[in-house]
């Protein structure tokens, strides 16, 4: 049971990483066509990056919980490896 929740956090963090990467390209393309919207777009990119950082912090907390409860290191576990 305890391993399932951190595994979900790991998967969600991976999804957030993908969104962060794609969003930057999408917003950059939008800014090229809409020069008057550059300032709000920069704020949006900043917000997305901050949310990605929150995902990383959540992942760190999940890893610590697994380590304290099960004495497992998630980063080195095949169970938590994601396809890139």
PDB file of N, CA and C in Angstrom:
ATOM      1  N   UNK A   1       0.825  -1.199   0.000  1.00  0.00           N
ATOM      2  CA  UNK A   1       0.000   0.000   0.000  1.00  0.00           C
ATOM      3  C   UNK A   1       0.864   1.256   0.000  1.00  0.00           C
ATOM      4  N   UNK A   2       1.840   1.298   0.902  1.00  0.00           N
ATOM      5  CA  UNK A   2       2.655   2.509   1.019  1.00  0.00           C
ATOM      6  C   UNK A   2       3.448   2.767  -0.260  1.00  0.00           C
ATOM      7  N   UNK A   3       3.776   1.726  -1.003  1.00  0.00           N
ATOM      8  CA  UNK A   3       4.568   1.911  -2.217  1.00  0.00           C
ATOM      9  C   UNK A   3       3.722   2.470  -3.356  1.00  0.00           C
ATOM     10  N   UNK A   4       2.432   2.225  -3.374  1.00  0.00           N
ATOM     11  CA  UNK A   4       1.582   2.677  -4.472  1.00  0.00           C
ATOM     12  C   UNK A   4       1.472   4.199  -4.549  1.00  0.00           C
ATOM     13  N   UNK A   5       1.322   4.855  -3.416  1.00  0.00           N
ATOM     14  CA  UNK A   5       1.194   6.312  -3.426  1.00  0.00           C
ATOM     15  C   UNK A   5       2.460   7.006  -3.935  1.00  0.00           C
ATOM     16  N   UNK A   6       3.643   6.645  -3.430  1.00  0.00           N
ATOM     17  CA  UNK A   6       4.848   7.264  -3.986  1.00  0.00           C
ATOM     18  C   UNK A   6       5.044   6.955  -5.474  1.00  0.00           C
ATOM     19  N   UNK A   7       4.626   5.777  -5.891  1.00  0.00           N
ATOM     20  CA  UNK A   7       4.738   5.443  -7.311  1.00  0.00           C
ATOM     21  C   UNK A   7       3.850   6.372  -8.137  1.00  0.00           C
ATOM     22  N   UNK A   8       2.663   6.686  -7.634  1.00  0.00           N
ATOM     23  CA  UNK A   8       1.784   7.628  -8.329  1.00  0.00           C
ATOM     24  C   UNK A   8       2.408   9.016  -8.370  1.00  0.00           C
ATOM     25  N   UNK A   9       3.041   9.420  -7.278  1.00  0.00           N
ATOM     26  CA  UNK A   9       3.721  10.718  -7.245  1.00  0.00           C
ATOM     27  C   UNK A   9       4.835  10.742  -8.282  1.00  0.00           C
ATOM     28  N   UNK A  10       5.579   9.647  -8.389  1.00  0.00           N
ATOM     29  CA  UNK A  10       6.661   9.539  -9.361  1.00  0.00           C
ATOM     30  C   UNK A  10       6.127   9.689 -10.782  1.00  0.00           C
ATOM     31  N   UNK A  11       5.017   9.019 -11.070  1.00  0.00           N
ATOM     32  CA  UNK A  11       4.411   9.095 -12.403  1.00  0.00           C
ATOM     33  C   UNK A  11       3.878  10.491 -12.701  1.00  0.00           C
ATOM     34  N   UNK A  12       3.239  11.103 -11.720  1.00  0.00           N
ATOM     35  CA  UNK A  12       2.706  12.457 -11.920  1.00  0.00           C
ATOM     36  C   UNK A  12       3.824  13.477 -12.108  1.00  0.00           C
ATOM     37  N   UNK A  13       4.921  13.315 -11.382  1.00  0.00           N
ATOM     38  CA  UNK A  13       6.055  14.218 -11.561  1.00  0.00           C
ATOM     39  C   UNK A  13       6.610  14.103 -12.971  1.00  0.00           C
ATOM     40  N   UNK A  14       6.648  12.899 -13.487  1.00  0.00           N
ATOM     41  CA  UNK A  14       7.125  12.692 -14.863  1.00  0.00           C
ATOM     42  C   UNK A  14       6.208  13.408 -15.860  1.00  0.00           C
ATOM     43  N   UNK A  15       4.899  13.335 -15.627  1.00  0.00           N
ATOM     44  CA  UNK A  15       3.943  14.026 -16.505  1.00  0.00           C
ATOM     45  C   UNK A  15       4.125  15.541 -16.428  1.00  0.00           C
ATOM     46  N   UNK A  16       4.354  16.051 -15.222  1.00  0.00           N
ATOM     47  CA  UNK A  16       4.578  17.489 -15.053  1.00  0.00           C
ATOM     48  C   UNK A  16       5.846  17.923 -15.788  1.00  0.00           C
ATOM     49  N   UNK A  17       6.880  17.091 -15.739  1.00  0.00           N
ATOM     50  CA  UNK A  17       8.123  17.404 -16.460  1.00  0.00           C
ATOM     51  C   UNK A  17       7.867  17.523 -17.959  1.00  0.00           C
ATOM     52  N   UNK A  18       7.080  16.621 -18.495  1.00  0.00           N
ATOM     53  CA  UNK A  18       6.752  16.642 -19.932  1.00  0.00           C
ATOM     54  C   UNK A  18       5.948  17.896 -20.268  1.00  0.00           C
ATOM     55  N   UNK A  19       4.961  18.211 -19.443  1.00  0.00           N
ATOM     56  CA  UNK A  19       4.148  19.415 -19.670  1.00  0.00           C
ATOM     57  C   UNK A  19       5.029  20.655 -19.643  1.00  0.00           C
ATOM     58  N   UNK A  20       5.915  20.743 -18.682  1.00  0.00           N
ATOM     59  CA  UNK A  20       6.821  21.881 -18.571  1.00  0.00           C
ATOM     60  C   UNK A  20       7.656  22.040 -19.839  1.00  0.00           C
ATOM     61  N   UNK A  21       8.189  20.945 -20.318  1.00  0.00           N
ATOM     62  CA  UNK A  21       9.027  20.994 -21.519  1.00  0.00           C
ATOM     63  C   UNK A  21       8.226  21.429 -22.750  1.00  0.00           C
ATOM     64  N   UNK A  22       7.064  20.844 -22.925  1.00  0.00           N
ATOM     65  CA  UNK A  22       6.237  21.171 -24.090  1.00  0.00           C
ATOM     66  C   UNK A  22       5.661  22.588 -24.010  1.00  0.00           C
ATOM     67  N   UNK A  23       5.284  23.004 -22.801  1.00  0.00           N
ATOM     68  CA  UNK A  23       4.656  24.317 -22.633  1.00  0.00           C
ATOM     69  C   UNK A  23       5.589  25.438 -23.058  1.00  0.00           C
ATOM     70  N   UNK A  24       6.856  25.329 -22.752  1.00  0.00           N
ATOM     71  CA  UNK A  24       7.812  26.373 -23.117  1.00  0.00           C
ATOM     72  C   UNK A  24       7.849  26.560 -24.628  1.00  0.00           C
ATOM     73  N   UNK A  25       7.898  25.461 -25.358  1.00  0.00           N
ATOM     74  CA  UNK A  25       7.914  25.547 -26.826  1.00  0.00           C
ATOM     75  C   UNK A  25       6.610  26.123 -27.369  1.00  0.00           C
ATOM     76  N   UNK A  26       5.501  25.683 -26.819  1.00  0.00           N
ATOM     77  CA  UNK A  26       4.192  26.158 -27.283  1.00  0.00           C
ATOM     78  C   UNK A  26       4.035  27.652 -27.013  1.00  0.00           C
ATOM     79  N   UNK A  27       4.403  28.073 -25.813  1.00  0.00           N
ATOM     80  CA  UNK A  27       4.265  29.488 -25.459  1.00  0.00           C
ATOM     81  C   UNK A  27       5.233  30.348 -26.265  1.00  0.00           C
ATOM     82  N   UNK A  28       6.435  29.854 -26.523  1.00  0.00           N
ATOM     83  CA  UNK A  28       7.400  30.605 -27.338  1.00  0.00           C
ATOM     84  C   UNK A  28       6.852  30.819 -28.750  1.00  0.00           C
ATOM     85  N   UNK A  29       6.263  29.786 -29.321  1.00  0.00           N
ATOM     86  CA  UNK A  29       5.657  29.916 -30.651  1.00  0.00           C
ATOM     87  C   UNK A  29       4.507  30.927 -30.630  1.00  0.00           C
ATOM     88  N   UNK A  30       3.702  30.880 -29.584  1.00  0.00           N
ATOM     89  CA  UNK A  30       2.586  31.821 -29.446  1.00  0.00           C
ATOM     90  C   UNK A  30       3.100  33.256 -29.346  1.00  0.00           C
ATOM     91  N   UNK A  31       4.172  33.456 -28.598  1.00  0.00           N
ATOM     92  CA  UNK A  31       4.713  34.802 -28.406  1.00  0.00           C
ATOM     93  C   UNK A  31       5.231  35.395 -29.717  1.00  0.00           C
ATOM     94  N   UNK A  32       5.744  34.549 -30.596  1.00  0.00           N
ATOM     95  CA  UNK A  32       6.233  35.035 -31.892  1.00  0.00           C
ATOM     96  C   UNK A  32       5.106  35.672 -32.703  1.00  0.00           C
ATOM     97  N   UNK A  33       3.919  35.114 -32.564  1.00  0.00           N
ATOM     98  CA  UNK A  33       2.764  35.600 -33.316  1.00  0.00           C
ATOM     99  C   UNK A  33       1.997  36.702 -32.589  1.00  0.00           C
ATOM    100  N   UNK A  34       2.201  36.826 -31.291  1.00  0.00           N
ATOM    101  CA  UNK A  34       1.433  37.762 -30.471  1.00  0.00           C
ATOM    102  C   UNK A  34       2.375  38.575 -29.586  1.00  0.00           C
ATOM    103  N   UNK A  35       3.079  39.491 -30.184  1.00  0.00           N
ATOM    104  CA  UNK A  35       4.089  40.255 -29.471  1.00  0.00           C
ATOM    105  C   UNK A  35       3.527  41.057 -28.297  1.00  0.00           C
ATOM    106  N   UNK A  36       2.278  41.465 -28.403  1.00  0.00           N
ATOM    107  CA  UNK A  36       1.672  42.244 -27.320  1.00  0.00           C
ATOM    108  C   UNK A  36       1.384  41.391 -26.079  1.00  0.00           C
ATOM    109  N   UNK A  37       1.494  40.094 -26.198  1.00  0.00           N
ATOM    110  CA  UNK A  37       1.202  39.169 -25.091  1.00  0.00           C
ATOM    111  C   UNK A  37       2.466  38.601 -24.438  1.00  0.00           C
ATOM    112  N   UNK A  38       3.608  39.186 -24.711  1.00  0.00           N
ATOM    113  CA  UNK A  38       4.866  38.619 -24.214  1.00  0.00           C
ATOM    114  C   UNK A  38       4.917  38.605 -22.686  1.00  0.00           C
ATOM    115  N   UNK A  39       4.548  39.703 -22.057  1.00  0.00           N
ATOM    116  CA  UNK A  39       4.644  39.781 -20.599  1.00  0.00           C
ATOM    117  C   UNK A  39       3.784  38.722 -19.903  1.00  0.00           C
ATOM    118  N   UNK A  40       2.501  38.569 -20.264  1.00  0.00           N
ATOM    119  CA  UNK A  40       1.717  37.503 -19.622  1.00  0.00           C
ATOM    120  C   UNK A  40       2.250  36.100 -19.945  1.00  0.00           C
ATOM    121  N   UNK A  41       2.799  35.943 -21.128  1.00  0.00           N
ATOM    122  CA  UNK A  41       3.350  34.637 -21.491  1.00  0.00           C
ATOM    123  C   UNK A  41       4.572  34.295 -20.634  1.00  0.00           C
ATOM    124  N   UNK A  42       5.407  35.292 -20.371  1.00  0.00           N
ATOM    125  CA  UNK A  42       6.564  35.067 -19.509  1.00  0.00           C
ATOM    126  C   UNK A  42       6.120  34.708 -18.094  1.00  0.00           C
ATOM    127  N   UNK A  43       5.073  35.364 -17.630  1.00  0.00           N
ATOM    128  CA  UNK A  43       4.532  35.039 -16.308  1.00  0.00           C
ATOM    129  C   UNK A  43       3.990  33.607 -16.288  1.00  0.00           C
ATOM    130  N   UNK A  44       3.361  33.192 -17.378  1.00  0.00           N
ATOM    131  CA  UNK A  44       2.833  31.829 -17.471  1.00  0.00           C
ATOM    132  C   UNK A  44       3.960  30.801 -17.449  1.00  0.00           C
ATOM    133  N   UNK A  45       5.019  31.066 -18.201  1.00  0.00           N
ATOM    134  CA  UNK A  45       6.176  30.156 -18.200  1.00  0.00           C
ATOM    135  C   UNK A  45       6.759  30.051 -16.789  1.00  0.00           C
ATOM    136  N   UNK A  46       6.869  31.187 -16.114  1.00  0.00           N
ATOM    137  CA  UNK A  46       7.399  31.190 -14.752  1.00  0.00           C
ATOM    138  C   UNK A  46       6.516  30.368 -13.820  1.00  0.00           C
ATOM    139  N   UNK A  47       5.209  30.510 -13.953  1.00  0.00           N
ATOM    140  CA  UNK A  47       4.275  29.756 -13.120  1.00  0.00           C
ATOM    141  C   UNK A  47       4.384  28.261 -13.382  1.00  0.00           C
ATOM    142  N   UNK A  48       4.483  27.879 -14.634  1.00  0.00           N
ATOM    143  CA  UNK A  48       4.604  26.459 -14.986  1.00  0.00           C
ATOM    144  C   UNK A  48       5.892  25.886 -14.412  1.00  0.00           C
ATOM    145  N   UNK A  49       6.974  26.626 -14.482  1.00  0.00           N
ATOM    146  CA  UNK A  49       8.250  26.152 -13.923  1.00  0.00           C
ATOM    147  C   UNK A  49       8.168  26.002 -12.409  1.00  0.00           C
ATOM    148  N   UNK A  50       7.470  26.922 -11.756  1.00  0.00           N
ATOM    149  CA  UNK A  50       7.320  26.824 -10.301  1.00  0.00           C
ATOM    150  C   UNK A  50       6.479  25.606  -9.928  1.00  0.00           C
ATOM    151  N   UNK A  51       5.444  25.320 -10.709  1.00  0.00           N
ATOM    152  CA  UNK A  51       4.640  24.128 -10.460  1.00  0.00           C
ATOM    153  C   UNK A  51       5.459  22.862 -10.673  1.00  0.00           C
ATOM    154  N   UNK A  52       6.338  22.892 -11.660  1.00  0.00           N
ATOM    155  CA  UNK A  52       7.216  21.744 -11.903  1.00  0.00           C
ATOM    156  C   UNK A  52       8.135  21.533 -10.708  1.00  0.00           C
ATOM    157  N   UNK A  53       8.603  22.608 -10.130  1.00  0.00           N
ATOM    158  CA  UNK A  53       9.467  22.522  -8.940  1.00  0.00           C
ATOM    159  C   UNK A  53       8.688  21.951  -7.763  1.00  0.00           C
ATOM    160  N   UNK A  54       7.426  22.321  -7.611  1.00  0.00           N
ATOM    161  CA  UNK A  54       6.589  21.748  -6.552  1.00  0.00           C
ATOM    162  C   UNK A  54       6.476  20.237  -6.751  1.00  0.00           C
ATOM    163  N   UNK A  55       6.332  19.806  -8.011  1.00  0.00           N
ATOM    164  CA  UNK A  55       6.287  18.376  -8.310  1.00  0.00           C
ATOM    165  C   UNK A  55       7.568  17.682  -7.885  1.00  0.00           C
ATOM    166  N   UNK A  56       8.710  18.328  -8.128  1.00  0.00           N
ATOM    167  CA  UNK A  56       9.997  17.755  -7.716  1.00  0.00           C
ATOM    168  C   UNK A  56      10.076  17.635  -6.193  1.00  0.00           C
ATOM    169  N   UNK A  57       9.601  18.650  -5.502  1.00  0.00           N
ATOM    170  CA  UNK A  57       9.626  18.607  -4.034  1.00  0.00           C
ATOM    171  C   UNK A  57       8.709  17.510  -3.507  1.00  0.00           C
ATOM    172  N   UNK A  58       7.547  17.342  -4.130  1.00  0.00           N
ATOM    173  CA  UNK A  58       6.640  16.250  -3.741  1.00  0.00           C
ATOM    174  C   UNK A  58       7.308  14.898  -3.949  1.00  0.00           C
ATOM    175  N   UNK A  59       8.034  14.772  -5.042  1.00  0.00           N
ATOM    176  CA  UNK A  59       8.743  13.529  -5.323  1.00  0.00           C
ATOM    177  C   UNK A  59       9.793  13.259  -4.250  1.00  0.00           C
ATOM    178  N   UNK A  60      10.525  14.296  -3.859  1.00  0.00           N
ATOM    179  CA  UNK A  60      11.523  14.127  -2.801  1.00  0.00           C
ATOM    180  C   UNK A  60      10.878  13.657  -1.501  1.00  0.00           C
ATOM    181  N   UNK A  61       9.724  14.220  -1.169  1.00  0.00           N
ATOM    182  CA  UNK A  61       9.016  13.811   0.046  1.00  0.00           C
ATOM    183  C   UNK A  61       8.581  12.353  -0.064  1.00  0.00           C
ATOM    184  N   UNK A  62       8.042  11.963  -1.222  1.00  0.00           N
ATOM    185  CA  UNK A  62       7.615  10.570  -1.425  1.00  0.00           C
ATOM    186  C   UNK A  62       8.797   9.618  -1.291  1.00  0.00           C
ATOM    187  N   UNK A  63       9.944   9.999  -1.842  1.00  0.00           N
ATOM    188  CA  UNK A  63      11.143   9.154  -1.731  1.00  0.00           C
ATOM    189  C   UNK A  63      11.561   8.995  -0.273  1.00  0.00           C
ATOM    190  N   UNK A  64      11.498  10.077   0.488  1.00  0.00           N
ATOM    191  CA  UNK A  64      11.860  10.013   1.909  1.00  0.00           C
ATOM    192  C   UNK A  64      10.909   9.103   2.680  1.00  0.00           C
ATOM    193  N   UNK A  65       9.623   9.185   2.383  1.00  0.00           N
ATOM    194  CA  UNK A  65       8.642   8.347   3.072  1.00  0.00           C
ATOM    195  C   UNK A  65       8.919   6.881   2.797  1.00  0.00           C
ATOM    196  N   UNK A  66       9.163   6.536   1.537  1.00  0.00           N
ATOM    197  CA  UNK A  66       9.463   5.142   1.192  1.00  0.00           C
ATOM    198  C   UNK A  66      10.727   4.690   1.908  1.00  0.00           C
ATOM    199  N   UNK A  67      11.726   5.547   1.951  1.00  0.00           N
ATOM    200  CA  UNK A  67      12.973   5.172   2.613  1.00  0.00           C
ATOM    201  C   UNK A  67      12.752   4.932   4.108  1.00  0.00           C
ATOM    202  N   UNK A  68      12.010   5.819   4.763  1.00  0.00           N
ATOM    203  CA  UNK A  68      11.786   5.674   6.201  1.00  0.00           C
ATOM    204  C   UNK A  68      10.900   4.481   6.540  1.00  0.00           C
ATOM    205  N   UNK A  69       9.904   4.214   5.700  1.00  0.00           N
ATOM    206  CA  UNK A  69       8.962   3.134   5.996  1.00  0.00           C
ATOM    207  C   UNK A  69       9.493   1.770   5.556  1.00  0.00           C
ATOM    208  N   UNK A  70      10.020   1.704   4.312  1.00  0.00           N
ATOM    209  CA  UNK A  70      10.411   0.411   3.742  1.00  0.00           C
ATOM    210  C   UNK A  70      11.914   0.241   3.550  1.00  0.00           C
ATOM    211  N   UNK A  71      12.697   1.251   3.866  1.00  0.00           N
ATOM    212  CA  UNK A  71      14.150   1.221   3.673  1.00  0.00           C
ATOM    213  C   UNK A  71      14.514   0.931   2.212  1.00  0.00           C
ATOM    214  N   UNK A  72      13.721   1.481   1.286  1.00  0.00           N
ATOM    215  CA  UNK A  72      13.991   1.341  -0.149  1.00  0.00           C
ATOM    216  C   UNK A  72      14.374   2.699  -0.708  1.00  0.00           C
ATOM    217  N   UNK A  73      15.283   2.680  -1.678  1.00  0.00           N
ATOM    218  CA  UNK A  73      15.664   3.909  -2.366  1.00  0.00           C
ATOM    219  C   UNK A  73      14.957   3.901  -3.716  1.00  0.00           C
ATOM    220  N   UNK A  74      14.007   4.820  -3.907  1.00  0.00           N
ATOM    221  CA  UNK A  74      13.193   4.840  -5.124  1.00  0.00           C
ATOM    222  C   UNK A  74      14.020   5.087  -6.383  1.00  0.00           C
ATOM    223  N   UNK A  75      14.996   5.951  -6.308  1.00  0.00           N
ATOM    224  CA  UNK A  75      15.767   6.319  -7.498  1.00  0.00           C
ATOM    225  C   UNK A  75      16.453   5.119  -8.129  1.00  0.00           C
ATOM    226  N   UNK A  76      16.777   4.131  -7.327  1.00  0.00           N
ATOM    227  CA  UNK A  76      17.509   2.978  -7.833  1.00  0.00           C
ATOM    228  C   UNK A  76      16.630   1.746  -8.014  1.00  0.00           C
ATOM    229  N   UNK A  77      15.345   1.902  -7.780  1.00  0.00           N
ATOM    230  CA  UNK A  77      14.427   0.776  -7.866  1.00  0.00           C
ATOM    231  C   UNK A  77      13.863   0.642  -9.279  1.00  0.00           C
ATOM    232  N   UNK A  78      13.891  -0.563  -9.823  1.00  0.00           N
ATOM    233  CA  UNK A  78      13.300  -0.820 -11.143  1.00  0.00           C
ATOM    234  C   UNK A  78      11.789  -0.595 -11.106  1.00  0.00           C
ATOM    235  N   UNK A  79      11.207  -0.775  -9.945  1.00  0.00           N
ATOM    236  CA  UNK A  79       9.761  -0.615  -9.778  1.00  0.00           C
ATOM    237  C   UNK A  79       9.313   0.807 -10.106  1.00  0.00           C
ATOM    238  N   UNK A  80      10.202   1.781  -9.923  1.00  0.00           N
ATOM    239  CA  UNK A  80       9.843   3.174 -10.107  1.00  0.00           C
ATOM    240  C   UNK A  80      10.445   3.789 -11.372  1.00  0.00           C
ATOM    241  N   UNK A  81      11.105   3.008 -12.181  1.00  0.00           N
ATOM    242  CA  UNK A  81      11.689   3.531 -13.415  1.00  0.00           C
ATOM    243  C   UNK A  81      10.580   3.846 -14.415  1.00  0.00           C
ATOM    244  N   UNK A  82      10.705   4.991 -15.065  1.00  0.00           N
ATOM    245  CA  UNK A  82       9.727   5.400 -16.074  1.00  0.00           C
ATOM    246  C   UNK A  82      10.385   5.435 -17.430  1.00  0.00           C
ATOM    247  N   UNK A  83       9.603   5.144 -18.451  1.00  0.00           N
ATOM    248  CA  UNK A  83      10.111   5.232 -19.812  1.00  0.00           C
ATOM    249  C   UNK A  83      10.173   6.683 -20.231  1.00  0.00           C
ATOM    250  N   UNK A  84      11.268   7.069 -20.824  1.00  0.00           N
ATOM    251  CA  UNK A  84      11.426   8.470 -21.259  1.00  0.00           C
ATOM    252  C   UNK A  84      11.157   8.599 -22.726  1.00  0.00           C
TER     253      UNK A  84
END
